[in-house]
Amino acid sequence: MQRLKIFPVLPRPAYAGGMARQNNGTRNRGRRTRFEIVPIPDLPADRTLASPRILSVSFDAVLARTREMILSAAGFHVATYTDLEDAVEACRQNSFDLILIGHSIPLRQRSSLLLEVRALCQAPVLALLRHGEAPLPGADYVFDASQSPVQLLEMVMNILAVKR
């Protein structure tokens, strides 16, 4: 049986340079939200015994929560942090199979976080990048954050399959 996930496809903003207001619906009145239905890849049978642990760090709480929900739905244990010091402390106290660094963290702070995490954990690092941004030096894997969440899920599954 194939599992499906529904993702909202928000309409483009009416003006250039930003997102349309969503709080009271005044900007998007009359517009309809489309939905994209995409299949979620099935996990290999060996993945059900011991779910890999992922440390996800992002300054944007909404994006971090969305990533956590997608990865958790696929069977991964995800620890999400919006504070760099808390994330480093979690890395110090726990073992993780993958470190995911969000694109909402400024480049200088991403670089310092990467160095601190490298000193504490042996897990590979997946850095999410803004569209057109140069790869983060020292990251094992990079992912353009403008791609679909399903592509991120597939990349995480491939990284963890290689690690095993």
Protein backbone atom coordinates (compact mmCIF):
# COMPACT_ATOMS: atom_id res chain seq x y z
CA MET A 1 0.00 0.00 0.00
CA GLN A 2 1.42 3.33 -1.03
CA ARG A 3 1.27 6.19 1.47
CA LEU A 4 0.46 9.69 0.23
CA LYS A 5 1.20 13.09 1.73
CA ILE A 6 -0.67 16.27 0.87
CA PHE A 7 1.34 19.51 0.65
CA PRO A 8 -0.33 22.91 0.15
CA VAL A 9 0.95 24.85 -2.84
CA LEU A 10 0.50 28.49 -1.86
CA PRO A 11 -0.35 31.06 -4.54
CA ARG A 12 2.37 33.48 -5.58
CA PRO A 13 2.23 36.83 -3.77
CA ALA A 14 0.41 39.62 -5.59
CA TYR A 15 3.36 41.97 -5.21
CA ALA A 16 7.08 41.44 -5.78
CA GLY A 17 9.54 41.12 -2.94
CA GLY A 18 7.68 39.23 -0.27
CA MET A 19 4.97 36.88 0.83
CA ALA A 20 1.31 37.81 0.81
CA ARG A 21 -0.22 38.30 4.25
CA GLN A 22 -1.86 35.17 5.58
CA ASN A 23 -2.94 36.31 9.05
CA ASN A 24 -6.48 37.51 8.40
CA GLY A 25 -6.96 36.43 4.80
CA THR A 26 -7.28 39.95 3.40
CA ARG A 27 -4.51 39.58 0.83
CA ASN A 28 -5.52 36.16 -0.46
CA ARG A 29 -9.28 36.60 -0.49
CA GLY A 30 -10.67 34.96 -3.58
CA ARG A 31 -7.56 32.89 -4.22
CA ARG A 32 -7.64 29.16 -3.80
CA THR A 33 -4.87 27.10 -2.33
CA ARG A 34 -3.88 24.19 -4.53
CA PHE A 35 -2.63 20.94 -3.06
CA GLU A 36 0.04 18.66 -4.40
CA ILE A 37 -0.34 14.97 -3.57
CA VAL A 38 2.94 13.11 -3.64
CA PRO A 39 3.87 9.55 -2.69
CA ILE A 40 6.07 9.06 0.36
CA PRO A 41 8.78 6.49 -0.30
CA ASP A 42 8.49 3.31 1.75
CA LEU A 43 11.19 2.65 4.28
CA PRO A 44 13.32 -0.45 3.85
CA ALA A 45 12.39 -3.31 6.17
CA ASP A 46 15.63 -3.02 8.18
CA ARG A 47 14.80 0.62 8.99
CA THR A 48 11.95 -0.37 11.30
CA LEU A 49 14.15 -2.04 13.93
CA ALA A 50 16.23 0.96 14.96
CA SER A 51 15.05 4.32 13.70
CA PRO A 52 17.89 6.70 12.88
CA ARG A 53 18.16 9.82 15.00
CA ILE A 54 18.37 13.21 13.29
CA LEU A 55 19.42 16.50 14.88
CA SER A 56 17.71 19.37 13.04
CA VAL A 57 18.78 22.97 13.71
CA SER A 58 17.02 26.01 12.29
CA PHE A 59 16.21 29.57 13.36
CA ASP A 60 12.81 29.41 11.65
CA ALA A 61 10.55 27.47 14.03
CA VAL A 62 7.85 26.86 11.40
CA LEU A 63 10.30 25.38 8.90
CA ALA A 64 11.95 23.33 11.62
CA ARG A 65 8.60 21.92 12.76
CA THR A 66 7.60 21.13 9.17
CA ARG A 67 10.85 19.23 8.59
CA GLU A 68 10.37 17.39 11.87
CA MET A 69 6.84 16.34 10.91
CA ILE A 70 7.92 15.08 7.46
CA LEU A 71 10.90 13.14 8.79
CA SER A 72 8.96 11.77 11.77
CA ALA A 73 6.16 10.58 9.48
CA ALA A 74 8.80 8.62 7.59
CA GLY A 75 9.89 6.85 10.78
CA PHE A 76 12.90 8.90 11.88
CA HIS A 77 13.45 10.20 15.42
CA VAL A 78 14.00 13.95 15.06
CA ALA A 79 15.31 16.34 17.70
CA THR A 80 14.63 19.92 16.57
CA TYR A 81 16.34 22.99 18.01
CA THR A 82 16.01 26.69 17.23
CA ASP A 83 18.85 27.64 19.57
CA LEU A 84 22.45 26.86 18.61
CA GLU A 85 23.69 26.34 22.18
CA ASP A 86 20.88 23.88 22.90
CA ALA A 87 21.66 22.02 19.68
CA VAL A 88 25.36 21.73 20.59
CA GLU A 89 24.43 20.51 24.07
CA ALA A 90 22.07 17.89 22.56
CA CYS A 91 24.90 16.74 20.29
CA ARG A 92 27.18 16.47 23.32
CA GLN A 93 24.68 14.35 25.29
CA ASN A 94 23.20 12.14 22.54
CA SER A 95 24.36 10.24 19.51
CA PHE A 96 22.81 11.19 16.18
CA ASP A 97 22.96 9.53 12.77
CA LEU A 98 22.55 12.79 10.83
CA ILE A 99 22.89 16.51 11.56
CA LEU A 100 20.63 18.76 9.48
CA ILE A 101 21.56 22.47 9.48
CA GLY A 102 18.83 24.79 8.18
CA HIS A 103 19.26 27.59 5.68
CA SER A 104 17.66 30.15 8.03
CA ILE A 105 20.85 30.29 10.12
CA PRO A 106 23.28 32.97 8.90
CA LEU A 107 26.38 31.63 7.13
CA ARG A 108 28.89 32.60 9.85
CA GLN A 109 26.81 30.92 12.55
CA ARG A 110 26.27 27.83 10.37
CA SER A 111 30.04 27.53 9.94
CA SER A 112 30.73 27.81 13.67
CA LEU A 113 27.91 25.34 14.44
CA LEU A 114 29.41 22.91 11.94
CA LEU A 115 32.83 23.12 13.63
CA GLU A 116 31.35 22.57 17.10
CA VAL A 117 29.21 19.65 15.96
CA ARG A 118 32.18 18.05 14.17
CA ALA A 119 34.15 18.09 17.41
CA LEU A 120 31.34 16.30 19.28
CA CYS A 121 29.65 13.99 16.77
CA GLN A 122 30.76 11.67 14.02
CA ALA A 123 27.44 11.98 12.17
CA PRO A 124 27.37 13.30 8.60
CA VAL A 125 26.16 16.89 8.16
CA LEU A 126 23.47 17.86 5.66
CA ALA A 127 23.41 21.62 5.07
CA LEU A 128 20.30 23.18 3.57
CA LEU A 129 21.09 26.08 1.24
CA ARG A 130 19.11 28.96 -0.15
CA HIS A 131 18.64 28.78 -3.91
CA GLY A 132 21.92 29.74 -5.58
CA GLU A 133 23.91 29.84 -2.33
CA ALA A 134 27.44 28.41 -2.30
CA PRO A 135 27.90 25.08 -0.47
CA LEU A 136 28.79 25.25 3.21
CA PRO A 137 32.48 24.35 3.60
CA GLY A 138 32.89 21.17 5.63
CA ALA A 139 29.36 19.84 5.12
CA ASP A 140 29.16 16.25 3.92
CA TYR A 141 26.00 16.85 1.90
CA VAL A 142 24.13 19.92 0.67
CA PHE A 143 20.51 20.34 -0.37
CA ASP A 144 18.81 23.26 -2.11
CA ALA A 145 15.97 24.17 0.26
CA SER A 146 13.81 25.38 -2.62
CA GLN A 147 13.27 21.76 -3.70
CA SER A 148 10.27 19.76 -2.54
CA PRO A 149 10.06 18.17 0.92
CA VAL A 150 9.81 14.75 -0.71
CA GLN A 151 13.21 15.28 -2.34
CA LEU A 152 14.65 16.20 1.07
CA LEU A 153 13.16 13.03 2.53
CA GLU A 154 14.65 10.93 -0.29
CA MET A 155 18.07 12.52 0.23
CA VAL A 156 17.97 11.86 3.98
CA MET A 157 16.99 8.24 3.33
CA ASN A 158 19.87 7.85 0.85
CA ILE A 159 22.39 9.39 3.24
CA LEU A 160 21.35 7.13 6.09
CA ALA A 161 21.30 4.07 3.82
CA VAL A 162 24.92 4.79 2.82
CA LYS A 163 25.91 5.29 6.48
CA ARG A 164 24.60 1.86 7.51
